[in-house]
């Protein structure tokens, strides 16, 4: 008798037990189908993870990086730790968070990084209602620009150290200040003049300030950009190489200059026609800008933060919780990075600290 293999025994068993064979076959089919569906589902999910959202869903920006809110200081009010119209934010060498308010009752408030209030003093009582701009220096001074007037205060106490009136020379207007790479204060101002034909021109200057304007340089803005200077109210920031970045809220461009005033490049532009959408690299109602320690440029507009490299090349967008969307315009007037690469932003009635990874 020939040797019976395992397969022969299995076939003989199925032949003699047809009922159980049918039941077993049904079970195998059901289990196999379930495993097959699981495998198909996993492949579909994997494809979604690779290709991103479909055209019917949100844009690929929705899966991009977002900021994490670490801390919020203040709310609407008039007491210490509350804000009426906070528009200026500075981080000094003592790691204080300094907040300046705008309006007829403008004041300065100081906080520890954990949000503990340290004190306040009135700018309005010192004669600086509704300041145009302000900046803290590394040696404990606060320089405030207001029209054609520069005022220098002791930061912690509010004691007036010096006041310089540029209005003695007609047509001067202090429009921006910034902190230099060495911790000093830079002042940007514009001067109205007439040429031989009687035509009006605005010249833009950048100067060091330490009790007086020094080392002033004329910004060599290309002639075709001068049309925007009449209403130019730029935000000013500097990188570690002392290059200047000016955000023009009139035409929505960022201009880059050397400290000597040489024009390097511009980037951005107006995207107000895009409605609820956004085109990367252009701005919908830009508000403020800053530069981090790596030299990356951050611009806040109505949709959130956009990040650029030092040459103006768009890198990515970052959603900011509660501060994105066209209805959020006006929420961030000033922002700055601390030593830990956390972003601080002032938003009229509050100060927020954010963390994100690029």
C-alpha atoms as a PDB file:
ATOM      1  CA  UNK A   1       0.000   0.000   0.000  1.00  0.00           C
ATOM      2  CA  UNK A   2       1.477   3.306  -1.046  1.00  0.00           C
ATOM      3  CA  UNK A   3       2.472   5.823   1.668  1.00  0.00           C
ATOM      4  CA  UNK A   4      -0.389   8.299   2.418  1.00  0.00           C
ATOM      5  CA  UNK A   5       0.717  11.918   2.511  1.00  0.00           C
ATOM      6  CA  UNK A   6      -0.667  14.649   4.777  1.00  0.00           C
ATOM      7  CA  UNK A   7      -2.476  16.168   1.822  1.00  0.00           C
ATOM      8  CA  UNK A   8      -4.120  12.791   1.032  1.00  0.00           C
ATOM      9  CA  UNK A   9      -5.360  12.523   4.626  1.00  0.00           C
ATOM     10  CA  UNK A  10      -6.787  16.081   4.524  1.00  0.00           C
ATOM     11  CA  UNK A  11      -8.636  15.416   1.269  1.00  0.00           C
ATOM     12  CA  UNK A  12     -10.061  12.140   2.617  1.00  0.00           C
ATOM     13  CA  UNK A  13     -11.248  13.929   5.775  1.00  0.00           C
ATOM     14  CA  UNK A  14     -12.993  16.672   3.762  1.00  0.00           C
ATOM     15  CA  UNK A  15     -14.661  13.990   1.580  1.00  0.00           C
ATOM     16  CA  UNK A  16     -16.004  12.118   4.604  1.00  0.00           C
ATOM     17  CA  UNK A  17     -17.075  15.276   6.510  1.00  0.00           C
ATOM     18  CA  UNK A  18     -18.692  17.453   3.873  1.00  0.00           C
ATOM     19  CA  UNK A  19     -20.868  19.465   6.261  1.00  0.00           C
ATOM     20  CA  UNK A  20     -17.936  20.576   8.452  1.00  0.00           C
ATOM     21  CA  UNK A  21     -15.882  21.204   5.329  1.00  0.00           C
ATOM     22  CA  UNK A  22     -18.461  23.739   4.055  1.00  0.00           C
ATOM     23  CA  UNK A  23     -18.549  25.530   7.441  1.00  0.00           C
ATOM     24  CA  UNK A  24     -14.736  25.730   7.545  1.00  0.00           C
ATOM     25  CA  UNK A  25     -14.589  27.078   3.987  1.00  0.00           C
ATOM     26  CA  UNK A  26     -17.077  29.862   4.854  1.00  0.00           C
ATOM     27  CA  UNK A  27     -14.998  30.857   7.891  1.00  0.00           C
ATOM     28  CA  UNK A  28     -11.817  31.002   5.801  1.00  0.00           C
ATOM     29  CA  UNK A  29     -13.509  33.189   3.175  1.00  0.00           C
ATOM     30  CA  UNK A  30     -14.924  35.638   5.785  1.00  0.00           C
ATOM     31  CA  UNK A  31     -11.628  35.991   7.679  1.00  0.00           C
ATOM     32  CA  UNK A  32      -9.657  36.397   4.474  1.00  0.00           C
ATOM     33  CA  UNK A  33     -12.007  39.083   3.185  1.00  0.00           C
ATOM     34  CA  UNK A  34     -11.735  40.991   6.454  1.00  0.00           C
ATOM     35  CA  UNK A  35      -7.944  40.907   6.345  1.00  0.00           C
ATOM     36  CA  UNK A  36      -8.007  42.005   2.728  1.00  0.00           C
ATOM     37  CA  UNK A  37     -10.227  45.004   3.538  1.00  0.00           C
ATOM     38  CA  UNK A  38      -7.939  45.969   6.408  1.00  0.00           C
ATOM     39  CA  UNK A  39      -4.954  45.865   4.099  1.00  0.00           C
ATOM     40  CA  UNK A  40      -6.727  48.008   1.472  1.00  0.00           C
ATOM     41  CA  UNK A  41      -7.775  50.539   4.124  1.00  0.00           C
ATOM     42  CA  UNK A  42      -4.206  50.778   5.408  1.00  0.00           C
ATOM     43  CA  UNK A  43      -2.909  51.406   1.877  1.00  0.00           C
ATOM     44  CA  UNK A  44      -5.465  54.193   1.366  1.00  0.00           C
ATOM     45  CA  UNK A  45      -4.520  55.829   4.689  1.00  0.00           C
ATOM     46  CA  UNK A  46      -0.844  55.593   3.803  1.00  0.00           C
ATOM     47  CA  UNK A  47      -1.533  57.286   0.486  1.00  0.00           C
ATOM     48  CA  UNK A  48      -3.317  60.125   2.245  1.00  0.00           C
ATOM     49  CA  UNK A  49      -0.400  60.629   4.597  1.00  0.00           C
ATOM     50  CA  UNK A  50       1.983  60.879   1.664  1.00  0.00           C
ATOM     51  CA  UNK A  51      -0.061  63.032  -0.713  1.00  0.00           C
ATOM     52  CA  UNK A  52      -1.796  65.268   1.871  1.00  0.00           C
ATOM     53  CA  UNK A  53      -5.426  66.473   1.804  1.00  0.00           C
ATOM     54  CA  UNK A  54      -7.446  66.068  -1.351  1.00  0.00           C
ATOM     55  CA  UNK A  55      -8.588  68.954  -3.511  1.00  0.00           C
ATOM     56  CA  UNK A  56     -12.012  68.759  -1.905  1.00  0.00           C
ATOM     57  CA  UNK A  57     -10.574  69.350   1.530  1.00  0.00           C
ATOM     58  CA  UNK A  58      -8.342  72.001   3.053  1.00  0.00           C
ATOM     59  CA  UNK A  59      -5.096  73.119   1.457  1.00  0.00           C
ATOM     60  CA  UNK A  60      -1.761  71.516   2.264  1.00  0.00           C
ATOM     61  CA  UNK A  61      -1.050  74.420   4.623  1.00  0.00           C
ATOM     62  CA  UNK A  62      -3.498  72.897   7.113  1.00  0.00           C
ATOM     63  CA  UNK A  63      -1.040  70.094   7.808  1.00  0.00           C
ATOM     64  CA  UNK A  64       1.853  72.549   8.289  1.00  0.00           C
ATOM     65  CA  UNK A  65       3.425  73.634  11.552  1.00  0.00           C
ATOM     66  CA  UNK A  66       1.373  75.563  14.073  1.00  0.00           C
ATOM     67  CA  UNK A  67       2.348  77.654  17.058  1.00  0.00           C
ATOM     68  CA  UNK A  68       1.705  76.460  20.612  1.00  0.00           C
ATOM     69  CA  UNK A  69       0.441  79.082  23.044  1.00  0.00           C
ATOM     70  CA  UNK A  70       2.668  78.931  26.137  1.00  0.00           C
ATOM     71  CA  UNK A  71       1.518  81.926  28.096  1.00  0.00           C
ATOM     72  CA  UNK A  72      -0.935  84.816  28.052  1.00  0.00           C
ATOM     73  CA  UNK A  73      -0.460  87.976  30.095  1.00  0.00           C
ATOM     74  CA  UNK A  74      -3.251  90.442  30.788  1.00  0.00           C
ATOM     75  CA  UNK A  75      -6.687  91.277  29.458  1.00  0.00           C
ATOM     76  CA  UNK A  76      -8.688  94.419  28.815  1.00  0.00           C
ATOM     77  CA  UNK A  77      -8.520  96.901  31.706  1.00  0.00           C
ATOM     78  CA  UNK A  78      -6.733  99.846  33.273  1.00  0.00           C
ATOM     79  CA  UNK A  79      -4.832  98.413  36.251  1.00  0.00           C
ATOM     80  CA  UNK A  80      -1.378  96.876  36.518  1.00  0.00           C
ATOM     81  CA  UNK A  81      -1.307  93.755  34.364  1.00  0.00           C
ATOM     82  CA  UNK A  82      -4.196  94.941  32.191  1.00  0.00           C
ATOM     83  CA  UNK A  83      -4.083  96.739  28.840  1.00  0.00           C
ATOM     84  CA  UNK A  84      -6.119  99.361  26.985  1.00  0.00           C
ATOM     85  CA  UNK A  85      -4.254  99.569  23.697  1.00  0.00           C
ATOM     86  CA  UNK A  86      -0.895  97.769  23.905  1.00  0.00           C
ATOM     87  CA  UNK A  87       1.087  98.159  20.672  1.00  0.00           C
ATOM     88  CA  UNK A  88       4.771  97.992  21.616  1.00  0.00           C
ATOM     89  CA  UNK A  89       6.724  94.992  22.912  1.00  0.00           C
ATOM     90  CA  UNK A  90      10.377  94.823  23.987  1.00  0.00           C
ATOM     91  CA  UNK A  91      12.569  92.197  25.686  1.00  0.00           C
ATOM     92  CA  UNK A  92      15.487  93.794  27.518  1.00  0.00           C
ATOM     93  CA  UNK A  93      18.835  92.380  28.643  1.00  0.00           C
ATOM     94  CA  UNK A  94      17.407  91.635  32.111  1.00  0.00           C
ATOM     95  CA  UNK A  95      14.798  89.343  30.482  1.00  0.00           C
ATOM     96  CA  UNK A  96      12.027  91.760  31.300  1.00  0.00           C
ATOM     97  CA  UNK A  97       8.975  91.897  29.042  1.00  0.00           C
ATOM     98  CA  UNK A  98       8.245  95.586  28.428  1.00  0.00           C
ATOM     99  CA  UNK A  99       4.866  96.614  27.042  1.00  0.00           C
ATOM    100  CA  UNK A 100       4.019 100.107  25.773  1.00  0.00           C
ATOM    101  CA  UNK A 101       0.480 101.393  25.358  1.00  0.00           C
ATOM    102  CA  UNK A 102      -0.852 103.872  22.827  1.00  0.00           C
ATOM    103  CA  UNK A 103      -3.345 106.706  23.358  1.00  0.00           C
ATOM    104  CA  UNK A 104      -3.936 109.687  25.619  1.00  0.00           C
ATOM    105  CA  UNK A 105      -3.134 107.569  28.689  1.00  0.00           C
ATOM    106  CA  UNK A 106      -0.124 105.751  27.257  1.00  0.00           C
ATOM    107  CA  UNK A 107       2.084 103.964  29.793  1.00  0.00           C
ATOM    108  CA  UNK A 108       4.866 101.429  30.206  1.00  0.00           C
ATOM    109  CA  UNK A 109       4.400  98.134  32.063  1.00  0.00           C
ATOM    110  CA  UNK A 110       7.126  95.654  32.972  1.00  0.00           C
ATOM    111  CA  UNK A 111       6.785  91.882  33.576  1.00  0.00           C
ATOM    112  CA  UNK A 112       8.904  88.890  34.427  1.00  0.00           C
ATOM    113  CA  UNK A 113       8.932  86.139  31.772  1.00  0.00           C
ATOM    114  CA  UNK A 114       6.515  84.142  33.955  1.00  0.00           C
ATOM    115  CA  UNK A 115       3.968  86.985  33.707  1.00  0.00           C
ATOM    116  CA  UNK A 116       4.514  88.543  37.149  1.00  0.00           C
ATOM    117  CA  UNK A 117       3.958  92.308  36.962  1.00  0.00           C
ATOM    118  CA  UNK A 118       6.961  94.357  38.105  1.00  0.00           C
ATOM    119  CA  UNK A 119       5.662  97.897  37.807  1.00  0.00           C
ATOM    120  CA  UNK A 120       4.308 100.635  35.581  1.00  0.00           C
ATOM    121  CA  UNK A 121       4.756 104.323  34.831  1.00  0.00           C
ATOM    122  CA  UNK A 122       2.924 106.880  32.714  1.00  0.00           C
ATOM    123  CA  UNK A 123       4.278 108.065  29.389  1.00  0.00           C
ATOM    124  CA  UNK A 124       1.353 110.442  29.025  1.00  0.00           C
ATOM    125  CA  UNK A 125       2.210 112.255  32.262  1.00  0.00           C
ATOM    126  CA  UNK A 126       5.766 112.690  30.970  1.00  0.00           C
ATOM    127  CA  UNK A 127       4.484 114.358  27.814  1.00  0.00           C
ATOM    128  CA  UNK A 128       4.444 111.415  25.385  1.00  0.00           C
ATOM    129  CA  UNK A 129       0.809 110.714  24.563  1.00  0.00           C
ATOM    130  CA  UNK A 130       0.167 108.392  21.624  1.00  0.00           C
ATOM    131  CA  UNK A 131       3.826 107.630  20.808  1.00  0.00           C
ATOM    132  CA  UNK A 132       4.747 106.627  17.270  1.00  0.00           C
ATOM    133  CA  UNK A 133       7.452 104.158  18.217  1.00  0.00           C
ATOM    134  CA  UNK A 134       9.699 103.055  21.088  1.00  0.00           C
ATOM    135  CA  UNK A 135      12.682 100.791  21.759  1.00  0.00           C
ATOM    136  CA  UNK A 136      14.601  99.615  24.832  1.00  0.00           C
ATOM    137  CA  UNK A 137      18.401  99.598  24.865  1.00  0.00           C
ATOM    138  CA  UNK A 138      20.678  97.048  26.532  1.00  0.00           C
ATOM    139  CA  UNK A 139      21.817  99.636  29.113  1.00  0.00           C
ATOM    140  CA  UNK A 140      18.378 100.253  30.619  1.00  0.00           C
ATOM    141  CA  UNK A 141      17.096 103.177  28.547  1.00  0.00           C
ATOM    142  CA  UNK A 142      13.827 103.565  26.685  1.00  0.00           C
ATOM    143  CA  UNK A 143      13.808 105.757  23.579  1.00  0.00           C
ATOM    144  CA  UNK A 144      10.385 107.015  22.481  1.00  0.00           C
ATOM    145  CA  UNK A 145       9.641 108.643  19.127  1.00  0.00           C
ATOM    146  CA  UNK A 146       6.647 110.956  18.914  1.00  0.00           C
ATOM    147  CA  UNK A 147       6.260 113.119  15.818  1.00  0.00           C
ATOM    148  CA  UNK A 148       9.510 115.081  15.496  1.00  0.00           C
ATOM    149  CA  UNK A 149      10.441 114.511  19.157  1.00  0.00           C
ATOM    150  CA  UNK A 150      12.761 111.913  20.683  1.00  0.00           C
ATOM    151  CA  UNK A 151      12.522 111.252  24.432  1.00  0.00           C
ATOM    152  CA  UNK A 152      14.930 109.158  26.454  1.00  0.00           C
ATOM    153  CA  UNK A 153      13.771 107.586  29.744  1.00  0.00           C
ATOM    154  CA  UNK A 154      15.193 105.410  32.466  1.00  0.00           C
ATOM    155  CA  UNK A 155      13.388 102.185  31.686  1.00  0.00           C
ATOM    156  CA  UNK A 156      12.542 100.929  35.160  1.00  0.00           C
ATOM    157  CA  UNK A 157      11.639 104.209  36.858  1.00  0.00           C
ATOM    158  CA  UNK A 158      10.336 106.307  33.967  1.00  0.00           C
ATOM    159  CA  UNK A 159      12.626 109.214  34.809  1.00  0.00           C
ATOM    160  CA  UNK A 160      13.098 111.514  31.809  1.00  0.00           C
ATOM    161  CA  UNK A 161      16.783 111.653  30.851  1.00  0.00           C
ATOM    162  CA  UNK A 162      16.722 113.763  27.713  1.00  0.00           C
ATOM    163  CA  UNK A 163      14.373 115.124  25.083  1.00  0.00           C
ATOM    164  CA  UNK A 164      15.487 116.051  21.568  1.00  0.00           C
ATOM    165  CA  UNK A 165      13.189 118.128  19.363  1.00  0.00           C
ATOM    166  CA  UNK A 166      13.909 117.686  15.674  1.00  0.00           C
ATOM    167  CA  UNK A 167      11.013 119.922  14.727  1.00  0.00           C
ATOM    168  CA  UNK A 168      13.356 122.917  14.790  1.00  0.00           C
ATOM    169  CA  UNK A 169      14.273 121.644  11.330  1.00  0.00           C
ATOM    170  CA  UNK A 170      11.057 121.637   9.324  1.00  0.00           C
ATOM    171  CA  UNK A 171       9.620 118.369   8.045  1.00  0.00           C
ATOM    172  CA  UNK A 172      11.191 115.772  10.354  1.00  0.00           C
ATOM    173  CA  UNK A 173       9.136 112.785  11.477  1.00  0.00           C
ATOM    174  CA  UNK A 174      10.347 109.905  13.687  1.00  0.00           C
ATOM    175  CA  UNK A 175       8.634 106.821  12.298  1.00  0.00           C
ATOM    176  CA  UNK A 176      10.453 103.749  13.628  1.00  0.00           C
ATOM    177  CA  UNK A 177      13.039 102.528  16.112  1.00  0.00           C
ATOM    178  CA  UNK A 178      14.897  99.251  16.454  1.00  0.00           C
ATOM    179  CA  UNK A 179      17.517  97.508  18.531  1.00  0.00           C
ATOM    180  CA  UNK A 180      20.933  97.190  16.899  1.00  0.00           C
ATOM    181  CA  UNK A 181      23.044  94.042  16.971  1.00  0.00           C
ATOM    182  CA  UNK A 182      25.121  95.561  19.797  1.00  0.00           C
ATOM    183  CA  UNK A 183      22.077  96.440  21.914  1.00  0.00           C
ATOM    184  CA  UNK A 184      21.922 100.094  20.940  1.00  0.00           C
ATOM    185  CA  UNK A 185      18.944 101.965  19.550  1.00  0.00           C
ATOM    186  CA  UNK A 186      18.471 102.835  15.894  1.00  0.00           C
ATOM    187  CA  UNK A 187      16.107 105.597  14.814  1.00  0.00           C
ATOM    188  CA  UNK A 188      14.499 105.856  11.405  1.00  0.00           C
ATOM    189  CA  UNK A 189      13.101 109.188  10.333  1.00  0.00           C
ATOM    190  CA  UNK A 190      11.878 110.836   7.181  1.00  0.00           C
ATOM    191  CA  UNK A 191      12.510 114.395   6.056  1.00  0.00           C
ATOM    192  CA  UNK A 192      10.308 116.321   3.660  1.00  0.00           C
ATOM    193  CA  UNK A 193      12.109 118.616   1.224  1.00  0.00           C
ATOM    194  CA  UNK A 194      11.502 120.464  -2.013  1.00  0.00           C
ATOM    195  CA  UNK A 195      13.722 120.282  -5.046  1.00  0.00           C
ATOM    196  CA  UNK A 196      14.631 123.141  -7.372  1.00  0.00           C
ATOM    197  CA  UNK A 197      11.383 122.657  -9.292  1.00  0.00           C
ATOM    198  CA  UNK A 198       9.261 122.900  -6.164  1.00  0.00           C
ATOM    199  CA  UNK A 199       8.400 119.193  -6.090  1.00  0.00           C
ATOM    200  CA  UNK A 200       8.139 117.529  -2.662  1.00  0.00           C
ATOM    201  CA  UNK A 201      10.336 114.540  -1.774  1.00  0.00           C
ATOM    202  CA  UNK A 202      10.697 112.372   1.330  1.00  0.00           C
ATOM    203  CA  UNK A 203      14.195 111.250   2.282  1.00  0.00           C
ATOM    204  CA  UNK A 204      14.538 108.289   4.646  1.00  0.00           C
ATOM    205  CA  UNK A 205      17.419 108.076   7.132  1.00  0.00           C
ATOM    206  CA  UNK A 206      18.642 105.537   9.689  1.00  0.00           C
ATOM    207  CA  UNK A 207      20.800 106.699  12.612  1.00  0.00           C
ATOM    208  CA  UNK A 208      22.339 105.461  15.836  1.00  0.00           C
ATOM    209  CA  UNK A 209      20.905 107.190  18.883  1.00  0.00           C
ATOM    210  CA  UNK A 210      22.630 107.733  22.209  1.00  0.00           C
ATOM    211  CA  UNK A 211      21.532 111.153  23.400  1.00  0.00           C
ATOM    212  CA  UNK A 212      21.865 112.412  19.826  1.00  0.00           C
ATOM    213  CA  UNK A 213      21.522 111.136  16.280  1.00  0.00           C
ATOM    214  CA  UNK A 214      24.825 109.846  14.927  1.00  0.00           C
ATOM    215  CA  UNK A 215      26.125 107.863  11.948  1.00  0.00           C
ATOM    216  CA  UNK A 216      23.072 108.719   9.860  1.00  0.00           C
ATOM    217  CA  UNK A 217      22.718 106.986   6.492  1.00  0.00           C
ATOM    218  CA  UNK A 218      20.330 107.831   3.668  1.00  0.00           C
ATOM    219  CA  UNK A 219      18.307 104.801   2.581  1.00  0.00           C
ATOM    220  CA  UNK A 220      18.807 104.340  -1.146  1.00  0.00           C
ATOM    221  CA  UNK A 221      15.277 103.292  -2.017  1.00  0.00           C
ATOM    222  CA  UNK A 222      14.839 102.826  -5.795  1.00  0.00           C
ATOM    223  CA  UNK A 223      13.086 105.790  -7.376  1.00  0.00           C
ATOM    224  CA  UNK A 224      10.036 103.798  -8.461  1.00  0.00           C
ATOM    225  CA  UNK A 225       9.306 103.011  -4.774  1.00  0.00           C
ATOM    226  CA  UNK A 226       9.219 106.645  -3.687  1.00  0.00           C
ATOM    227  CA  UNK A 227       5.560 106.875  -4.610  1.00  0.00           C
ATOM    228  CA  UNK A 228       4.769 104.966  -1.437  1.00  0.00           C
ATOM    229  CA  UNK A 229       6.655 107.158   1.010  1.00  0.00           C
ATOM    230  CA  UNK A 230       3.942 109.726   1.691  1.00  0.00           C
ATOM    231  CA  UNK A 231       1.955 107.268   3.827  1.00  0.00           C
ATOM    232  CA  UNK A 232       4.788 104.915   4.752  1.00  0.00           C
ATOM    233  CA  UNK A 233       4.523 103.837   8.382  1.00  0.00           C
ATOM    234  CA  UNK A 234       7.017 100.992   8.427  1.00  0.00           C
ATOM    235  CA  UNK A 235       7.808  98.423  11.078  1.00  0.00           C
ATOM    236  CA  UNK A 236      11.537  98.163  11.561  1.00  0.00           C
ATOM    237  CA  UNK A 237      13.648  95.211  12.661  1.00  0.00           C
ATOM    238  CA  UNK A 238      17.292  94.208  12.314  1.00  0.00           C
ATOM    239  CA  UNK A 239      19.124  90.929  11.953  1.00  0.00           C
ATOM    240  CA  UNK A 240      22.371  89.827  13.599  1.00  0.00           C
ATOM    241  CA  UNK A 241      24.409  91.401  10.796  1.00  0.00           C
ATOM    242  CA  UNK A 242      22.721  94.789  11.391  1.00  0.00           C
ATOM    243  CA  UNK A 243      20.785  94.614   8.125  1.00  0.00           C
ATOM    244  CA  UNK A 244      17.487  96.483   8.248  1.00  0.00           C
ATOM    245  CA  UNK A 245      14.084  95.083   7.329  1.00  0.00           C
ATOM    246  CA  UNK A 246      11.253  97.582   6.844  1.00  0.00           C
ATOM    247  CA  UNK A 247       7.654  96.422   6.472  1.00  0.00           C
ATOM    248  CA  UNK A 248       5.690  98.953   4.429  1.00  0.00           C
ATOM    249  CA  UNK A 249       2.032  98.686   5.423  1.00  0.00           C
ATOM    250  CA  UNK A 250       1.019 100.796   2.405  1.00  0.00           C
ATOM    251  CA  UNK A 251       2.141  98.488  -0.384  1.00  0.00           C
ATOM    252  CA  UNK A 252       2.737  95.346   1.742  1.00  0.00           C
ATOM    253  CA  UNK A 253       6.394  94.906   0.763  1.00  0.00           C
ATOM    254  CA  UNK A 254       9.347  94.165   3.040  1.00  0.00           C
ATOM    255  CA  UNK A 255      12.475  96.137   2.097  1.00  0.00           C
ATOM    256  CA  UNK A 256      15.961  95.059   3.116  1.00  0.00           C
ATOM    257  CA  UNK A 257      18.903  97.468   3.492  1.00  0.00           C
ATOM    258  CA  UNK A 258      22.419  97.375   4.824  1.00  0.00           C
ATOM    259  CA  UNK A 259      23.170  99.521   7.868  1.00  0.00           C
ATOM    260  CA  UNK A 260      24.806 101.977   5.456  1.00  0.00           C
ATOM    261  CA  UNK A 261      21.489 102.447   3.672  1.00  0.00           C
ATOM    262  CA  UNK A 262      22.202 100.350   0.578  1.00  0.00           C
ATOM    263  CA  UNK A 263      19.074  98.742  -0.837  1.00  0.00           C
ATOM    264  CA  UNK A 264      19.431  94.950  -1.092  1.00  0.00           C
ATOM    265  CA  UNK A 265      16.075  93.449  -1.995  1.00  0.00           C
ATOM    266  CA  UNK A 266      12.351  93.523  -1.420  1.00  0.00           C
ATOM    267  CA  UNK A 267       9.785  90.730  -1.090  1.00  0.00           C
ATOM    268  CA  UNK A 268       6.107  90.193  -0.345  1.00  0.00           C
ATOM    269  CA  UNK A 269       3.463  92.404  -1.927  1.00  0.00           C
ATOM    270  CA  UNK A 270      -0.268  92.960  -1.605  1.00  0.00           C
ATOM    271  CA  UNK A 271      -2.658  89.990  -1.597  1.00  0.00           C
ATOM    272  CA  UNK A 272      -5.836  91.819  -0.569  1.00  0.00           C
ATOM    273  CA  UNK A 273      -7.653  90.670  -3.696  1.00  0.00           C
ATOM    274  CA  UNK A 274      -7.440  87.016  -2.652  1.00  0.00           C
ATOM    275  CA  UNK A 275     -10.386  87.102  -0.225  1.00  0.00           C
ATOM    276  CA  UNK A 276     -10.388  84.158   2.153  1.00  0.00           C
ATOM    277  CA  UNK A 277      -7.573  82.353   0.352  1.00  0.00           C
ATOM    278  CA  UNK A 278      -3.863  82.993   0.551  1.00  0.00           C
ATOM    279  CA  UNK A 279      -0.973  82.924  -1.836  1.00  0.00           C
ATOM    280  CA  UNK A 280       2.302  81.985  -0.126  1.00  0.00           C
ATOM    281  CA  UNK A 281       4.904  84.719  -0.121  1.00  0.00           C
ATOM    282  CA  UNK A 282       2.531  87.705  -0.388  1.00  0.00           C
ATOM    283  CA  UNK A 283       0.602  89.443   2.392  1.00  0.00           C
ATOM    284  CA  UNK A 284      -3.004  90.099   3.272  1.00  0.00           C
ATOM    285  CA  UNK A 285      -2.952  93.207   5.518  1.00  0.00           C
ATOM    286  CA  UNK A 286       0.538  92.803   7.060  1.00  0.00           C
ATOM    287  CA  UNK A 287       0.979  94.070  10.613  1.00  0.00           C
ATOM    288  CA  UNK A 288       4.410  93.347  12.039  1.00  0.00           C
ATOM    289  CA  UNK A 289       7.707  91.564  11.459  1.00  0.00           C
ATOM    290  CA  UNK A 290      10.716  90.251  13.347  1.00  0.00           C
ATOM    291  CA  UNK A 291      13.922  88.297  12.684  1.00  0.00           C
ATOM    292  CA  UNK A 292      15.086  85.321  14.759  1.00  0.00           C
ATOM    293  CA  UNK A 293      18.616  84.330  15.735  1.00  0.00           C
ATOM    294  CA  UNK A 294      18.945  82.163  12.632  1.00  0.00           C
ATOM    295  CA  UNK A 295      18.276  85.128  10.366  1.00  0.00           C
ATOM    296  CA  UNK A 296      14.788  83.978   9.338  1.00  0.00           C
ATOM    297  CA  UNK A 297      12.222  86.728   8.770  1.00  0.00           C
ATOM    298  CA  UNK A 298       8.692  86.402  10.192  1.00  0.00           C
ATOM    299  CA  UNK A 299       5.826  88.555   8.913  1.00  0.00           C
ATOM    300  CA  UNK A 300       2.402  88.559  10.590  1.00  0.00           C
ATOM    301  CA  UNK A 301      -0.600  89.247   8.396  1.00  0.00           C
ATOM    302  CA  UNK A 302      -4.316  88.515   8.678  1.00  0.00           C
ATOM    303  CA  UNK A 303      -3.813  84.784   8.055  1.00  0.00           C
ATOM    304  CA  UNK A 304      -0.955  84.104  10.490  1.00  0.00           C
ATOM    305  CA  UNK A 305       2.831  84.058  10.227  1.00  0.00           C
ATOM    306  CA  UNK A 306       4.843  83.674   7.050  1.00  0.00           C
ATOM    307  CA  UNK A 307       8.514  82.713   7.249  1.00  0.00           C
ATOM    308  CA  UNK A 308      11.231  83.788   4.782  1.00  0.00           C
ATOM    309  CA  UNK A 309      14.969  83.296   4.550  1.00  0.00           C
ATOM    310  CA  UNK A 310      17.327  86.280   4.600  1.00  0.00           C
ATOM    311  CA  UNK A 311      17.096  86.696   0.820  1.00  0.00           C
ATOM    312  CA  UNK A 312      13.298  86.920   0.910  1.00  0.00           C
ATOM    313  CA  UNK A 313      12.557  83.376  -0.281  1.00  0.00           C
ATOM    314  CA  UNK A 314       9.276  82.074   1.147  1.00  0.00           C
ATOM    315  CA  UNK A 315       9.717  79.013   3.375  1.00  0.00           C
ATOM    316  CA  UNK A 316       6.394  78.236   5.031  1.00  0.00           C
ATOM    317  CA  UNK A 317       3.322  79.520   6.858  1.00  0.00           C
ATOM    318  CA  UNK A 318       2.571  79.003  10.544  1.00  0.00           C
ATOM    319  CA  UNK A 319      -0.915  79.138  12.018  1.00  0.00           C
ATOM    320  CA  UNK A 320      -1.138  81.204  15.216  1.00  0.00           C
ATOM    321  CA  UNK A 321      -3.955  80.047  17.550  1.00  0.00           C
ATOM    322  CA  UNK A 322      -6.733  82.613  17.642  1.00  0.00           C
ATOM    323  CA  UNK A 323      -4.857  85.086  15.470  1.00  0.00           C
ATOM    324  CA  UNK A 324      -5.485  83.833  11.947  1.00  0.00           C
ATOM    325  CA  UNK A 325      -8.213  84.769   9.488  1.00  0.00           C
ATOM    326  CA  UNK A 326      -9.095  88.190   8.035  1.00  0.00           C
ATOM    327  CA  UNK A 327     -11.203  89.076  11.092  1.00  0.00           C
ATOM    328  CA  UNK A 328      -8.058  88.878  13.243  1.00  0.00           C
ATOM    329  CA  UNK A 329      -6.448  91.944  11.630  1.00  0.00           C
ATOM    330  CA  UNK A 330      -4.968  94.305  14.195  1.00  0.00           C
ATOM    331  CA  UNK A 331      -4.222  91.577  16.711  1.00  0.00           C
ATOM    332  CA  UNK A 332      -0.425  91.736  16.615  1.00  0.00           C
ATOM    333  CA  UNK A 333       1.328  95.092  16.449  1.00  0.00           C
ATOM    334  CA  UNK A 334       4.766  94.015  17.645  1.00  0.00           C
ATOM    335  CA  UNK A 335       6.637  90.764  18.243  1.00  0.00           C
ATOM    336  CA  UNK A 336      10.089  89.542  19.241  1.00  0.00           C
ATOM    337  CA  UNK A 337      11.984  86.326  19.954  1.00  0.00           C
ATOM    338  CA  UNK A 338      13.516  85.583  23.354  1.00  0.00           C
ATOM    339  CA  UNK A 339      16.731  83.669  24.054  1.00  0.00           C
ATOM    340  CA  UNK A 340      14.889  80.340  23.978  1.00  0.00           C
ATOM    341  CA  UNK A 341      13.477  81.032  20.503  1.00  0.00           C
ATOM    342  CA  UNK A 342       9.973  81.558  21.875  1.00  0.00           C
ATOM    343  CA  UNK A 343       7.983  84.265  20.134  1.00  0.00           C
ATOM    344  CA  UNK A 344       6.405  87.064  22.191  1.00  0.00           C
ATOM    345  CA  UNK A 345       3.615  89.105  20.610  1.00  0.00           C
ATOM    346  CA  UNK A 346       1.556  92.063  21.817  1.00  0.00           C
ATOM    347  CA  UNK A 347      -2.087  92.063  20.752  1.00  0.00           C
ATOM    348  CA  UNK A 348      -3.800  95.231  22.049  1.00  0.00           C
ATOM    349  CA  UNK A 349      -5.327  93.740  25.233  1.00  0.00           C
ATOM    350  CA  UNK A 350      -2.889  90.888  25.881  1.00  0.00           C
ATOM    351  CA  UNK A 351       0.658  89.637  25.492  1.00  0.00           C
ATOM    352  CA  UNK A 352       1.182  86.073  24.248  1.00  0.00           C
ATOM    353  CA  UNK A 353       4.176  83.764  24.182  1.00  0.00           C
ATOM    354  CA  UNK A 354       4.347  81.054  21.508  1.00  0.00           C
ATOM    355  CA  UNK A 355       6.577  78.107  20.726  1.00  0.00           C
ATOM    356  CA  UNK A 356       6.951  76.369  17.390  1.00  0.00           C
ATOM    357  CA  UNK A 357       9.441  74.266  15.465  1.00  0.00           C
ATOM    358  CA  UNK A 358      10.312  74.856  11.843  1.00  0.00           C
END
